[in-house]
Amino acid sequence: AVFSASALAQSEMADGQVQKIDAPQSKVTLKHGPIKKLDMDAMTMVWCVKDVVMLEGLKPGDKVKFDAERVNGQLMIVKMEKAR
């Protein structure tokens, strides 16, 4: 089967809910479900975001979909969008 990169990326994205936003530090606290590719259970934690622009328009309570990766040993959100 052939999957488009974007369809695959969508399925890889984890679900989360914004708890707190710290734009000056480029950080967001998310309550999230399990993240298979990082072998991580569901939890609430503080994440660094690759680009502070991702935090614009978000507020605590918003549901998001996000993709995270290890960047230089640090967990970082590389993509995030408001869930519909």
C-alpha atoms as a PDB file:
ATOM      1  CA  ALA A   1       0.000   0.000   0.000  1.00  0.00           C
ATOM      2  CA  VAL A   2       1.164   3.510  -0.740  1.00  0.00           C
ATOM      3  CA  PHE A   3       0.559   6.196   1.855  1.00  0.00           C
ATOM      4  CA  SER A   4       1.027   9.863   1.242  1.00  0.00           C
ATOM      5  CA  ALA A   5       3.415  11.502   3.686  1.00  0.00           C
ATOM      6  CA  SER A   6       0.707  13.830   4.958  1.00  0.00           C
ATOM      7  CA  ALA A   7      -1.777  11.022   5.645  1.00  0.00           C
ATOM      8  CA  LEU A   8       0.908   9.140   7.534  1.00  0.00           C
ATOM      9  CA  ALA A   9       1.896  12.278   9.430  1.00  0.00           C
ATOM     10  CA  GLN A  10      -1.719  12.840  10.491  1.00  0.00           C
ATOM     11  CA  SER A  11      -1.997   9.340  11.959  1.00  0.00           C
ATOM     12  CA  GLU A  12       1.312   9.784  13.784  1.00  0.00           C
ATOM     13  CA  MET A  13       0.113  12.914  15.538  1.00  0.00           C
ATOM     14  CA  ALA A  14      -0.780  12.609  19.196  1.00  0.00           C
ATOM     15  CA  ASP A  15      -3.810  14.115  20.872  1.00  0.00           C
ATOM     16  CA  GLY A  16      -3.343  16.642  23.620  1.00  0.00           C
ATOM     17  CA  GLN A  17      -5.079  19.306  25.629  1.00  0.00           C
ATOM     18  CA  VAL A  18      -3.413  22.609  26.456  1.00  0.00           C
ATOM     19  CA  GLN A  19      -3.001  23.155  30.200  1.00  0.00           C
ATOM     20  CA  LYS A  20      -0.674  26.161  30.211  1.00  0.00           C
ATOM     21  CA  ILE A  21       1.169  28.296  27.675  1.00  0.00           C
ATOM     22  CA  ASP A  22       4.522  29.965  28.284  1.00  0.00           C
ATOM     23  CA  ALA A  23       5.170  31.785  24.994  1.00  0.00           C
ATOM     24  CA  PRO A  24       8.233  33.758  26.216  1.00  0.00           C
ATOM     25  CA  GLN A  25       9.956  30.425  26.949  1.00  0.00           C
ATOM     26  CA  SER A  26       8.489  28.690  23.843  1.00  0.00           C
ATOM     27  CA  LYS A  27       6.899  26.095  26.108  1.00  0.00           C
ATOM     28  CA  VAL A  28       3.472  24.565  26.445  1.00  0.00           C
ATOM     29  CA  THR A  29       2.090  22.212  29.085  1.00  0.00           C
ATOM     30  CA  LEU A  30       0.004  19.477  27.497  1.00  0.00           C
ATOM     31  CA  LYS A  31      -2.079  16.678  28.906  1.00  0.00           C
ATOM     32  CA  HIS A  32      -1.600  14.067  26.197  1.00  0.00           C
ATOM     33  CA  GLY A  33      -2.402  10.525  25.228  1.00  0.00           C
ATOM     34  CA  PRO A  34       0.202   7.834  24.608  1.00  0.00           C
ATOM     35  CA  ILE A  35       2.867   8.697  22.026  1.00  0.00           C
ATOM     36  CA  LYS A  36       3.831   5.433  20.378  1.00  0.00           C
ATOM     37  CA  LYS A  37       6.878   6.592  18.495  1.00  0.00           C
ATOM     38  CA  LEU A  38       8.438   8.034  21.664  1.00  0.00           C
ATOM     39  CA  ASP A  39       7.352   5.007  23.713  1.00  0.00           C
ATOM     40  CA  MET A  40       5.602   7.369  26.110  1.00  0.00           C
ATOM     41  CA  ASP A  41       2.504   6.807  28.202  1.00  0.00           C
ATOM     42  CA  ALA A  42      -0.299   9.309  28.621  1.00  0.00           C
ATOM     43  CA  MET A  43       0.710  12.116  30.991  1.00  0.00           C
ATOM     44  CA  THR A  44       0.804  15.855  31.550  1.00  0.00           C
ATOM     45  CA  MET A  45       4.159  17.480  30.835  1.00  0.00           C
ATOM     46  CA  VAL A  46       5.889  20.628  29.680  1.00  0.00           C
ATOM     47  CA  TRP A  47       7.083  20.620  26.075  1.00  0.00           C
ATOM     48  CA  CYS A  48       9.377  22.938  24.174  1.00  0.00           C
ATOM     49  CA  VAL A  49       7.998  24.002  20.800  1.00  0.00           C
ATOM     50  CA  LYS A  50      10.199  24.313  17.743  1.00  0.00           C
ATOM     51  CA  ASP A  51       8.518  27.558  16.742  1.00  0.00           C
ATOM     52  CA  VAL A  52       6.670  29.884  19.120  1.00  0.00           C
ATOM     53  CA  VAL A  53       4.234  30.671  16.281  1.00  0.00           C
ATOM     54  CA  MET A  54       2.621  27.275  16.999  1.00  0.00           C
ATOM     55  CA  LEU A  55       1.335  28.694  20.296  1.00  0.00           C
ATOM     56  CA  GLU A  56      -0.499  31.625  18.716  1.00  0.00           C
ATOM     57  CA  GLY A  57      -4.256  31.445  19.094  1.00  0.00           C
ATOM     58  CA  LEU A  58      -4.111  28.622  21.644  1.00  0.00           C
ATOM     59  CA  LYS A  59      -5.475  28.863  25.159  1.00  0.00           C
ATOM     60  CA  PRO A  60      -5.764  26.483  28.119  1.00  0.00           C
ATOM     61  CA  GLY A  61      -8.457  23.892  27.476  1.00  0.00           C
ATOM     62  CA  ASP A  62      -7.902  23.798  23.705  1.00  0.00           C
ATOM     63  CA  LYS A  63      -7.553  20.350  22.193  1.00  0.00           C
ATOM     64  CA  VAL A  64      -4.604  19.933  19.848  1.00  0.00           C
ATOM     65  CA  LYS A  65      -2.924  17.362  17.663  1.00  0.00           C
ATOM     66  CA  PHE A  66       0.843  17.410  17.778  1.00  0.00           C
ATOM     67  CA  ASP A  67       3.950  15.666  16.594  1.00  0.00           C
ATOM     68  CA  ALA A  68       6.994  15.486  18.838  1.00  0.00           C
ATOM     69  CA  GLU A  69      10.546  14.342  18.269  1.00  0.00           C
ATOM     70  CA  ARG A  70      13.777  14.085  20.188  1.00  0.00           C
ATOM     71  CA  VAL A  71      15.984  16.976  19.099  1.00  0.00           C
ATOM     72  CA  ASN A  72      19.503  16.843  20.541  1.00  0.00           C
ATOM     73  CA  GLY A  73      18.215  14.636  23.352  1.00  0.00           C
ATOM     74  CA  GLN A  74      15.396  17.029  24.215  1.00  0.00           C
ATOM     75  CA  LEU A  75      11.732  16.342  23.555  1.00  0.00           C
ATOM     76  CA  MET A  76      10.308  18.988  21.280  1.00  0.00           C
ATOM     77  CA  ILE A  77       6.996  19.600  19.528  1.00  0.00           C
ATOM     78  CA  VAL A  78       7.788  20.002  15.848  1.00  0.00           C
ATOM     79  CA  LYS A  79       4.197  20.384  14.642  1.00  0.00           C
ATOM     80  CA  MET A  80       0.987  21.325  16.389  1.00  0.00           C
ATOM     81  CA  GLU A  81      -2.483  22.311  15.277  1.00  0.00           C
ATOM     82  CA  LYS A  82      -5.829  22.890  16.921  1.00  0.00           C
ATOM     83  CA  ALA A  83      -7.971  19.759  16.759  1.00  0.00           C
ATOM     84  CA  ARG A  84     -11.252  20.213  14.921  1.00  0.00           C
END
